[in-house]
Amino acid sequence: MAGNCSLRTLTLLQQIYLFCLIVLHSVEPSTPSDAVNCIVYNEEFMECTWTHSEGKPNYTLHYWYYSEPETECRNYIQQDGYNIGCNFSNNEIKQFRDFNVYRNGFSDSGNESTPTQTFQLQSRVKPNAPENLKVNATINNGLSLSWEAPMPRRRCLMYRVRYQSNKDKDWQSATVTEQTRFKLASVDSEKLYTFQVQSKINLYCGTTNLWSEWSLPVHWGRNETGTECVVPPINNIIPAKSTIT
């Protein structure tokens, strides 16, 4: 009996330990509220921003890539007369190279600099939402959803699809990799379905949790009055009433 009790206790402790590891692994490390946050938007431009606190100096931003000279920001983002960020054009972004930044300012007590932060920019890319969603009926009451990749480097993207019928309270979701289409094997033609898609850099091109915004929705099926829903052109789509974050 004692041996069995010890075995059960050990198993329980192992389960708790594994659970803690999973939780810790899923939570991104916290950063100070006044730290610099750099995001590359759709591989088109980058913004490095920070929060200006009362009593702090007006910082200038300095950056460099490994083996290159230090440079000051050329295009500041300002708020109430204070620098709160820096804009970088596409030709200033170099992925897969360490990008180093720090801020420097002057106060009554003298020169004040913040610690250097280092970013791997390939892991700071936030894509745009997928565009031109289209939904078509397939054989055996199925549906096929397709969309256009928001970035030229399609192989670097993965997607998350969410869908919901007008009879459901919750959204259903699915992850899609290496393709720009999603299929539902069977649907109820008497229901009205709403689909949306968002995109993210996949693990082959970066390590990030920066998902894009959700796309504009597309609809398929019949509404509550029994009228068949016609999917409108993408520019005329009205956002769904039910959303989740």
C-alpha atoms as a PDB file:
ATOM      1  CA  MET A   1       0.000   0.000   0.000  1.00  0.00           C
ATOM      2  CA  ALA A   2       2.767   2.428   0.920  1.00  0.00           C
ATOM      3  CA  GLY A   3       4.543   1.775  -2.362  1.00  0.00           C
ATOM      4  CA  ASN A   4       1.392   2.373  -4.389  1.00  0.00           C
ATOM      5  CA  CYS A   5       0.694   5.581  -2.470  1.00  0.00           C
ATOM      6  CA  SER A   6       4.207   6.894  -3.191  1.00  0.00           C
ATOM      7  CA  LEU A   7       3.842   6.010  -6.854  1.00  0.00           C
ATOM      8  CA  ARG A   8       0.559   7.911  -7.111  1.00  0.00           C
ATOM      9  CA  THR A   9       2.073  10.933  -5.337  1.00  0.00           C
ATOM     10  CA  LEU A  10       5.069  10.962  -7.672  1.00  0.00           C
ATOM     11  CA  THR A  11       2.810  10.760 -10.704  1.00  0.00           C
ATOM     12  CA  LEU A  12       0.731  13.678  -9.446  1.00  0.00           C
ATOM     13  CA  LEU A  13       3.846  15.789  -8.832  1.00  0.00           C
ATOM     14  CA  GLN A  14       5.105  14.978 -12.327  1.00  0.00           C
ATOM     15  CA  GLN A  15       1.776  16.065 -13.806  1.00  0.00           C
ATOM     16  CA  ILE A  16       1.866  19.370 -11.892  1.00  0.00           C
ATOM     17  CA  TYR A  17       5.473  19.954 -13.008  1.00  0.00           C
ATOM     18  CA  LEU A  18       4.615  19.321 -16.661  1.00  0.00           C
ATOM     19  CA  PHE A  19       1.585  21.589 -16.436  1.00  0.00           C
ATOM     20  CA  CYS A  20       3.728  24.413 -15.015  1.00  0.00           C
ATOM     21  CA  LEU A  21       6.261  23.962 -17.824  1.00  0.00           C
ATOM     22  CA  ILE A  22       3.521  24.230 -20.453  1.00  0.00           C
ATOM     23  CA  VAL A  23       2.073  27.389 -18.888  1.00  0.00           C
ATOM     24  CA  LEU A  24       5.478  29.055 -18.554  1.00  0.00           C
ATOM     25  CA  HIS A  25       6.391  28.155 -22.134  1.00  0.00           C
ATOM     26  CA  SER A  26       3.143  29.615 -23.497  1.00  0.00           C
ATOM     27  CA  VAL A  27       3.568  33.013 -21.803  1.00  0.00           C
ATOM     28  CA  GLU A  28       5.823  35.560 -23.485  1.00  0.00           C
ATOM     29  CA  PRO A  29       8.372  37.254 -21.191  1.00  0.00           C
ATOM     30  CA  SER A  30       7.136  40.592 -19.904  1.00  0.00           C
ATOM     31  CA  THR A  31       8.998  43.755 -20.835  1.00  0.00           C
ATOM     32  CA  PRO A  32       9.155  47.098 -18.998  1.00  0.00           C
ATOM     33  CA  SER A  33       6.363  49.481 -19.947  1.00  0.00           C
ATOM     34  CA  ASP A  34       8.885  52.055 -21.204  1.00  0.00           C
ATOM     35  CA  ALA A  35      10.873  49.570 -23.304  1.00  0.00           C
ATOM     36  CA  VAL A  36      11.235  50.000 -27.063  1.00  0.00           C
ATOM     37  CA  ASN A  37       8.877  47.808 -29.083  1.00  0.00           C
ATOM     38  CA  CYS A  38       9.815  47.203 -32.733  1.00  0.00           C
ATOM     39  CA  ILE A  39       7.303  45.758 -35.205  1.00  0.00           C
ATOM     40  CA  VAL A  40       7.848  45.144 -38.927  1.00  0.00           C
ATOM     41  CA  TYR A  41       4.513  45.659 -40.641  1.00  0.00           C
ATOM     42  CA  ASN A  42       3.966  43.247 -43.527  1.00  0.00           C
ATOM     43  CA  GLU A  43       7.694  43.494 -44.397  1.00  0.00           C
ATOM     44  CA  GLU A  44       6.978  46.964 -45.790  1.00  0.00           C
ATOM     45  CA  PHE A  45       8.061  49.304 -42.976  1.00  0.00           C
ATOM     46  CA  MET A  46       8.991  49.158 -39.299  1.00  0.00           C
ATOM     47  CA  GLU A  47       8.025  51.210 -36.263  1.00  0.00           C
ATOM     48  CA  CYS A  48      10.012  51.197 -33.022  1.00  0.00           C
ATOM     49  CA  THR A  49       7.907  52.889 -30.344  1.00  0.00           C
ATOM     50  CA  TRP A  50       8.013  53.606 -26.613  1.00  0.00           C
ATOM     51  CA  THR A  51       5.950  55.403 -24.002  1.00  0.00           C
ATOM     52  CA  HIS A  52       7.082  58.818 -22.788  1.00  0.00           C
ATOM     53  CA  SER A  53       6.707  59.172 -19.011  1.00  0.00           C
ATOM     54  CA  GLU A  54       6.275  62.473 -17.198  1.00  0.00           C
ATOM     55  CA  GLY A  55       9.574  63.775 -15.914  1.00  0.00           C
ATOM     56  CA  LYS A  56      11.609  61.777 -18.428  1.00  0.00           C
ATOM     57  CA  PRO A  57      13.764  63.523 -21.066  1.00  0.00           C
ATOM     58  CA  ASN A  58      12.948  63.702 -24.745  1.00  0.00           C
ATOM     59  CA  TYR A  59      14.821  60.618 -25.937  1.00  0.00           C
ATOM     60  CA  THR A  60      16.617  60.152 -29.227  1.00  0.00           C
ATOM     61  CA  LEU A  61      16.835  56.637 -30.668  1.00  0.00           C
ATOM     62  CA  HIS A  62      20.126  55.114 -31.778  1.00  0.00           C
ATOM     63  CA  TYR A  63      20.445  51.814 -33.632  1.00  0.00           C
ATOM     64  CA  TRP A  64      22.882  49.590 -35.464  1.00  0.00           C
ATOM     65  CA  TYR A  65      23.217  46.190 -37.044  1.00  0.00           C
ATOM     66  CA  TYR A  66      26.106  43.926 -36.157  1.00  0.00           C
ATOM     67  CA  SER A  67      29.416  45.185 -37.640  1.00  0.00           C
ATOM     68  CA  GLU A  68      27.789  48.426 -38.814  1.00  0.00           C
ATOM     69  CA  PRO A  69      28.169  51.937 -37.325  1.00  0.00           C
ATOM     70  CA  GLU A  70      25.618  53.397 -34.933  1.00  0.00           C
ATOM     71  CA  THR A  71      22.977  55.672 -36.482  1.00  0.00           C
ATOM     72  CA  GLU A  72      20.364  58.018 -35.037  1.00  0.00           C
ATOM     73  CA  CYS A  73      16.729  57.764 -36.129  1.00  0.00           C
ATOM     74  CA  ARG A  74      16.012  59.783 -39.264  1.00  0.00           C
ATOM     75  CA  ASN A  75      12.210  59.904 -38.968  1.00  0.00           C
ATOM     76  CA  TYR A  76      10.791  60.334 -35.462  1.00  0.00           C
ATOM     77  CA  ILE A  77       7.201  59.727 -34.413  1.00  0.00           C
ATOM     78  CA  GLN A  78       6.159  62.504 -32.035  1.00  0.00           C
ATOM     79  CA  GLN A  79       3.384  63.141 -29.534  1.00  0.00           C
ATOM     80  CA  ASP A  80       2.921  66.397 -27.606  1.00  0.00           C
ATOM     81  CA  GLY A  81       6.374  67.501 -28.718  1.00  0.00           C
ATOM     82  CA  TYR A  82       8.128  64.354 -27.458  1.00  0.00           C
ATOM     83  CA  ASN A  83       9.696  61.573 -29.496  1.00  0.00           C
ATOM     84  CA  ILE A  84       7.748  58.354 -28.930  1.00  0.00           C
ATOM     85  CA  GLY A  85       9.026  56.282 -31.824  1.00  0.00           C
ATOM     86  CA  CYS A  86      10.938  55.987 -35.063  1.00  0.00           C
ATOM     87  CA  ASN A  87       9.800  55.027 -38.567  1.00  0.00           C
ATOM     88  CA  PHE A  88      12.033  52.817 -40.721  1.00  0.00           C
ATOM     89  CA  SER A  89      11.550  52.395 -44.453  1.00  0.00           C
ATOM     90  CA  ASN A  90      11.756  49.033 -46.189  1.00  0.00           C
ATOM     91  CA  ASN A  91      15.371  49.477 -47.280  1.00  0.00           C
ATOM     92  CA  GLU A  92      16.424  50.054 -43.655  1.00  0.00           C
ATOM     93  CA  ILE A  93      15.057  46.676 -42.497  1.00  0.00           C
ATOM     94  CA  LYS A  94      17.493  43.764 -42.464  1.00  0.00           C
ATOM     95  CA  GLN A  95      15.949  40.544 -41.286  1.00  0.00           C
ATOM     96  CA  PHE A  96      18.052  37.681 -39.887  1.00  0.00           C
ATOM     97  CA  ARG A  97      20.570  40.151 -38.446  1.00  0.00           C
ATOM     98  CA  ASP A  98      20.670  41.399 -34.858  1.00  0.00           C
ATOM     99  CA  PHE A  99      19.113  44.866 -34.625  1.00  0.00           C
ATOM    100  CA  ASN A 100      20.300  46.863 -31.597  1.00  0.00           C
ATOM    101  CA  VAL A 101      18.640  49.980 -30.172  1.00  0.00           C
ATOM    102  CA  TYR A 102      18.969  52.274 -27.188  1.00  0.00           C
ATOM    103  CA  ARG A 103      17.614  55.696 -26.247  1.00  0.00           C
ATOM    104  CA  ASN A 104      19.573  58.710 -25.104  1.00  0.00           C
ATOM    105  CA  GLY A 105      18.305  61.887 -23.433  1.00  0.00           C
ATOM    106  CA  PHE A 106      19.364  64.873 -21.372  1.00  0.00           C
ATOM    107  CA  SER A 107      17.799  65.948 -18.096  1.00  0.00           C
ATOM    108  CA  ASP A 108      18.709  68.332 -15.261  1.00  0.00           C
ATOM    109  CA  SER A 109      20.741  65.525 -13.714  1.00  0.00           C
ATOM    110  CA  GLY A 110      22.748  64.996 -16.911  1.00  0.00           C
ATOM    111  CA  ASN A 111      22.882  62.460 -19.707  1.00  0.00           C
ATOM    112  CA  GLU A 112      20.438  59.560 -19.385  1.00  0.00           C
ATOM    113  CA  SER A 113      20.600  56.413 -21.545  1.00  0.00           C
ATOM    114  CA  THR A 114      18.487  53.253 -21.521  1.00  0.00           C
ATOM    115  CA  PRO A 115      19.909  49.730 -21.760  1.00  0.00           C
ATOM    116  CA  THR A 116      20.519  48.350 -25.247  1.00  0.00           C
ATOM    117  CA  GLN A 117      17.807  46.060 -26.607  1.00  0.00           C
ATOM    118  CA  THR A 118      18.430  43.514 -29.358  1.00  0.00           C
ATOM    119  CA  PHE A 119      15.771  42.278 -31.775  1.00  0.00           C
ATOM    120  CA  GLN A 120      15.696  39.523 -34.367  1.00  0.00           C
ATOM    121  CA  LEU A 121      13.528  41.331 -36.892  1.00  0.00           C
ATOM    122  CA  GLN A 122      12.396  38.158 -38.656  1.00  0.00           C
ATOM    123  CA  SER A 123      10.524  37.422 -35.409  1.00  0.00           C
ATOM    124  CA  ARG A 124       8.965  40.892 -35.219  1.00  0.00           C
ATOM    125  CA  VAL A 125       6.982  40.760 -38.471  1.00  0.00           C
ATOM    126  CA  LYS A 126       3.229  41.381 -38.226  1.00  0.00           C
ATOM    127  CA  PRO A 127       1.530  40.586 -41.562  1.00  0.00           C
ATOM    128  CA  ASN A 128      -1.532  42.297 -42.920  1.00  0.00           C
ATOM    129  CA  ALA A 129      -4.834  40.472 -42.822  1.00  0.00           C
ATOM    130  CA  PRO A 130      -5.503  38.131 -45.766  1.00  0.00           C
ATOM    131  CA  GLU A 131      -7.566  39.665 -48.568  1.00  0.00           C
ATOM    132  CA  ASN A 132     -10.176  38.705 -51.163  1.00  0.00           C
ATOM    133  CA  LEU A 133     -11.822  35.911 -49.214  1.00  0.00           C
ATOM    134  CA  LYS A 134     -14.080  33.752 -51.362  1.00  0.00           C
ATOM    135  CA  VAL A 135     -16.360  30.911 -50.328  1.00  0.00           C
ATOM    136  CA  ASN A 136     -17.844  28.343 -52.712  1.00  0.00           C
ATOM    137  CA  ALA A 137     -20.055  25.297 -52.295  1.00  0.00           C
ATOM    138  CA  THR A 138     -18.518  21.891 -53.031  1.00  0.00           C
ATOM    139  CA  ILE A 139     -19.954  18.436 -53.503  1.00  0.00           C
ATOM    140  CA  ASN A 140     -21.762  16.700 -50.637  1.00  0.00           C
ATOM    141  CA  ASN A 141     -22.811  19.986 -48.965  1.00  0.00           C
ATOM    142  CA  GLY A 142     -19.238  21.134 -48.328  1.00  0.00           C
ATOM    143  CA  LEU A 143     -17.676  24.589 -48.491  1.00  0.00           C
ATOM    144  CA  SER A 144     -14.320  25.772 -49.774  1.00  0.00           C
ATOM    145  CA  LEU A 145     -12.822  29.028 -48.492  1.00  0.00           C
ATOM    146  CA  SER A 146      -9.887  30.688 -50.283  1.00  0.00           C
ATOM    147  CA  TRP A 147      -7.950  33.926 -49.850  1.00  0.00           C
ATOM    148  CA  GLU A 148      -4.890  35.856 -51.018  1.00  0.00           C
ATOM    149  CA  ALA A 149      -1.657  35.968 -49.021  1.00  0.00           C
ATOM    150  CA  PRO A 150      -0.878  39.492 -47.737  1.00  0.00           C
ATOM    151  CA  MET A 151       2.900  39.183 -48.331  1.00  0.00           C
ATOM    152  CA  PRO A 152       5.001  38.133 -51.336  1.00  0.00           C
ATOM    153  CA  ARG A 153       6.832  35.520 -49.225  1.00  0.00           C
ATOM    154  CA  ARG A 154       3.848  33.192 -49.057  1.00  0.00           C
ATOM    155  CA  ARG A 155       5.937  30.265 -47.808  1.00  0.00           C
ATOM    156  CA  CYS A 156       6.591  32.183 -44.573  1.00  0.00           C
ATOM    157  CA  LEU A 157       2.921  32.463 -43.609  1.00  0.00           C
ATOM    158  CA  MET A 158       0.457  30.377 -41.670  1.00  0.00           C
ATOM    159  CA  TYR A 159      -3.211  31.160 -41.094  1.00  0.00           C
ATOM    160  CA  ARG A 160      -5.995  30.831 -38.573  1.00  0.00           C
ATOM    161  CA  VAL A 161      -9.562  30.475 -39.841  1.00  0.00           C
ATOM    162  CA  ARG A 162     -12.592  31.120 -37.683  1.00  0.00           C
ATOM    163  CA  TYR A 163     -16.175  30.435 -38.675  1.00  0.00           C
ATOM    164  CA  GLN A 164     -19.582  30.584 -37.070  1.00  0.00           C
ATOM    165  CA  SER A 165     -23.173  29.987 -38.115  1.00  0.00           C
ATOM    166  CA  ASN A 166     -26.097  32.134 -37.053  1.00  0.00           C
ATOM    167  CA  LYS A 167     -27.244  29.197 -34.907  1.00  0.00           C
ATOM    168  CA  ASP A 168     -23.968  28.929 -32.970  1.00  0.00           C
ATOM    169  CA  LYS A 169     -22.887  30.859 -29.875  1.00  0.00           C
ATOM    170  CA  ASP A 170     -19.174  30.193 -30.259  1.00  0.00           C
ATOM    171  CA  TRP A 171     -16.675  30.469 -33.087  1.00  0.00           C
ATOM    172  CA  GLN A 172     -14.920  27.375 -34.405  1.00  0.00           C
ATOM    173  CA  SER A 173     -11.288  27.736 -35.465  1.00  0.00           C
ATOM    174  CA  ALA A 174      -8.657  25.865 -37.446  1.00  0.00           C
ATOM    175  CA  THR A 175      -4.985  26.417 -38.308  1.00  0.00           C
ATOM    176  CA  VAL A 176      -3.895  26.251 -41.941  1.00  0.00           C
ATOM    177  CA  THR A 177      -0.281  25.896 -43.108  1.00  0.00           C
ATOM    178  CA  GLU A 178       1.357  26.011 -46.540  1.00  0.00           C
ATOM    179  CA  GLN A 179      -1.850  26.832 -48.405  1.00  0.00           C
ATOM    180  CA  THR A 180      -4.434  29.598 -48.806  1.00  0.00           C
ATOM    181  CA  ARG A 181      -7.590  27.532 -48.653  1.00  0.00           C
ATOM    182  CA  PHE A 182      -9.747  25.779 -46.094  1.00  0.00           C
ATOM    183  CA  LYS A 183     -12.530  23.220 -46.541  1.00  0.00           C
ATOM    184  CA  LEU A 184     -15.526  22.215 -44.480  1.00  0.00           C
ATOM    185  CA  ALA A 185     -16.669  18.725 -45.359  1.00  0.00           C
ATOM    186  CA  SER A 186     -20.328  19.354 -44.571  1.00  0.00           C
ATOM    187  CA  VAL A 187     -22.509  22.341 -43.678  1.00  0.00           C
ATOM    188  CA  ASP A 188     -26.215  23.041 -43.191  1.00  0.00           C
ATOM    189  CA  SER A 189     -27.532  25.037 -46.134  1.00  0.00           C
ATOM    190  CA  GLU A 190     -30.295  26.454 -43.936  1.00  0.00           C
ATOM    191  CA  LYS A 191     -27.753  28.294 -41.765  1.00  0.00           C
ATOM    192  CA  LEU A 192     -25.814  31.493 -42.440  1.00  0.00           C
ATOM    193  CA  TYR A 193     -22.045  31.030 -42.027  1.00  0.00           C
ATOM    194  CA  THR A 194     -19.455  33.748 -41.433  1.00  0.00           C
ATOM    195  CA  PHE A 195     -15.738  33.234 -42.139  1.00  0.00           C
ATOM    196  CA  GLN A 196     -12.657  35.279 -41.250  1.00  0.00           C
ATOM    197  CA  VAL A 197      -8.920  34.618 -41.575  1.00  0.00           C
ATOM    198  CA  GLN A 198      -5.784  36.044 -39.953  1.00  0.00           C
ATOM    199  CA  SER A 199      -2.118  35.432 -40.747  1.00  0.00           C
ATOM    200  CA  LYS A 200       1.179  34.995 -38.902  1.00  0.00           C
ATOM    201  CA  ILE A 201       4.824  34.282 -39.713  1.00  0.00           C
ATOM    202  CA  ASN A 202       5.404  30.529 -39.422  1.00  0.00           C
ATOM    203  CA  LEU A 203       8.145  28.843 -37.402  1.00  0.00           C
ATOM    204  CA  TYR A 204      10.320  28.321 -40.497  1.00  0.00           C
ATOM    205  CA  CYS A 205      10.787  32.074 -40.933  1.00  0.00           C
ATOM    206  CA  GLY A 206      10.555  33.455 -37.386  1.00  0.00           C
ATOM    207  CA  THR A 207       9.422  32.891 -33.817  1.00  0.00           C
ATOM    208  CA  THR A 208       6.536  35.213 -33.022  1.00  0.00           C
ATOM    209  CA  ASN A 209       2.997  35.469 -31.660  1.00  0.00           C
ATOM    210  CA  LEU A 210       2.226  38.568 -33.738  1.00  0.00           C
ATOM    211  CA  TRP A 211      -0.975  37.642 -35.562  1.00  0.00           C
ATOM    212  CA  SER A 212      -2.478  40.009 -38.112  1.00  0.00           C
ATOM    213  CA  GLU A 213      -5.879  41.579 -37.610  1.00  0.00           C
ATOM    214  CA  TRP A 214      -8.864  39.495 -38.700  1.00  0.00           C
ATOM    215  CA  SER A 215      -9.849  39.867 -42.337  1.00  0.00           C
ATOM    216  CA  LEU A 216     -13.131  41.320 -43.438  1.00  0.00           C
ATOM    217  CA  PRO A 217     -15.745  38.545 -43.213  1.00  0.00           C
ATOM    218  CA  VAL A 218     -17.463  36.623 -45.977  1.00  0.00           C
ATOM    219  CA  HIS A 219     -20.843  34.921 -45.614  1.00  0.00           C
ATOM    220  CA  TRP A 220     -22.546  31.876 -47.068  1.00  0.00           C
ATOM    221  CA  GLY A 221     -25.986  30.308 -46.510  1.00  0.00           C
ATOM    222  CA  ARG A 222     -29.418  31.560 -45.558  1.00  0.00           C
ATOM    223  CA  ASN A 223     -30.295  34.232 -43.039  1.00  0.00           C
ATOM    224  CA  GLU A 224     -32.992  33.988 -40.369  1.00  0.00           C
ATOM    225  CA  THR A 225     -35.723  34.994 -42.820  1.00  0.00           C
ATOM    226  CA  GLY A 226     -34.782  32.139 -45.134  1.00  0.00           C
ATOM    227  CA  THR A 227     -33.346  34.446 -47.778  1.00  0.00           C
ATOM    228  CA  GLU A 228     -30.266  33.072 -49.520  1.00  0.00           C
ATOM    229  CA  CYS A 229     -27.134  35.032 -48.672  1.00  0.00           C
ATOM    230  CA  VAL A 230     -25.093  36.277 -51.600  1.00  0.00           C
ATOM    231  CA  VAL A 231     -21.471  37.002 -50.771  1.00  0.00           C
ATOM    232  CA  PRO A 232     -20.871  40.669 -51.745  1.00  0.00           C
ATOM    233  CA  PRO A 233     -17.697  42.077 -53.278  1.00  0.00           C
ATOM    234  CA  ILE A 234     -14.923  42.382 -50.729  1.00  0.00           C
ATOM    235  CA  ASN A 235     -15.115  46.200 -50.584  1.00  0.00           C
ATOM    236  CA  ASN A 236     -18.800  46.098 -49.658  1.00  0.00           C
ATOM    237  CA  ILE A 237     -18.701  43.484 -46.927  1.00  0.00           C
ATOM    238  CA  ILE A 238     -20.302  44.533 -43.656  1.00  0.00           C
ATOM    239  CA  PRO A 239     -18.439  43.240 -40.584  1.00  0.00           C
ATOM    240  CA  ALA A 240     -20.183  40.467 -38.706  1.00  0.00           C
ATOM    241  CA  LYS A 241     -22.116  41.477 -35.595  1.00  0.00           C
ATOM    242  CA  SER A 242     -20.529  38.736 -33.482  1.00  0.00           C
ATOM    243  CA  THR A 243     -16.799  38.914 -32.922  1.00  0.00           C
ATOM    244  CA  ILE A 244     -14.239  37.344 -30.636  1.00  0.00           C
ATOM    245  CA  THR A 245     -10.761  38.463 -29.657  1.00  0.00           C
END
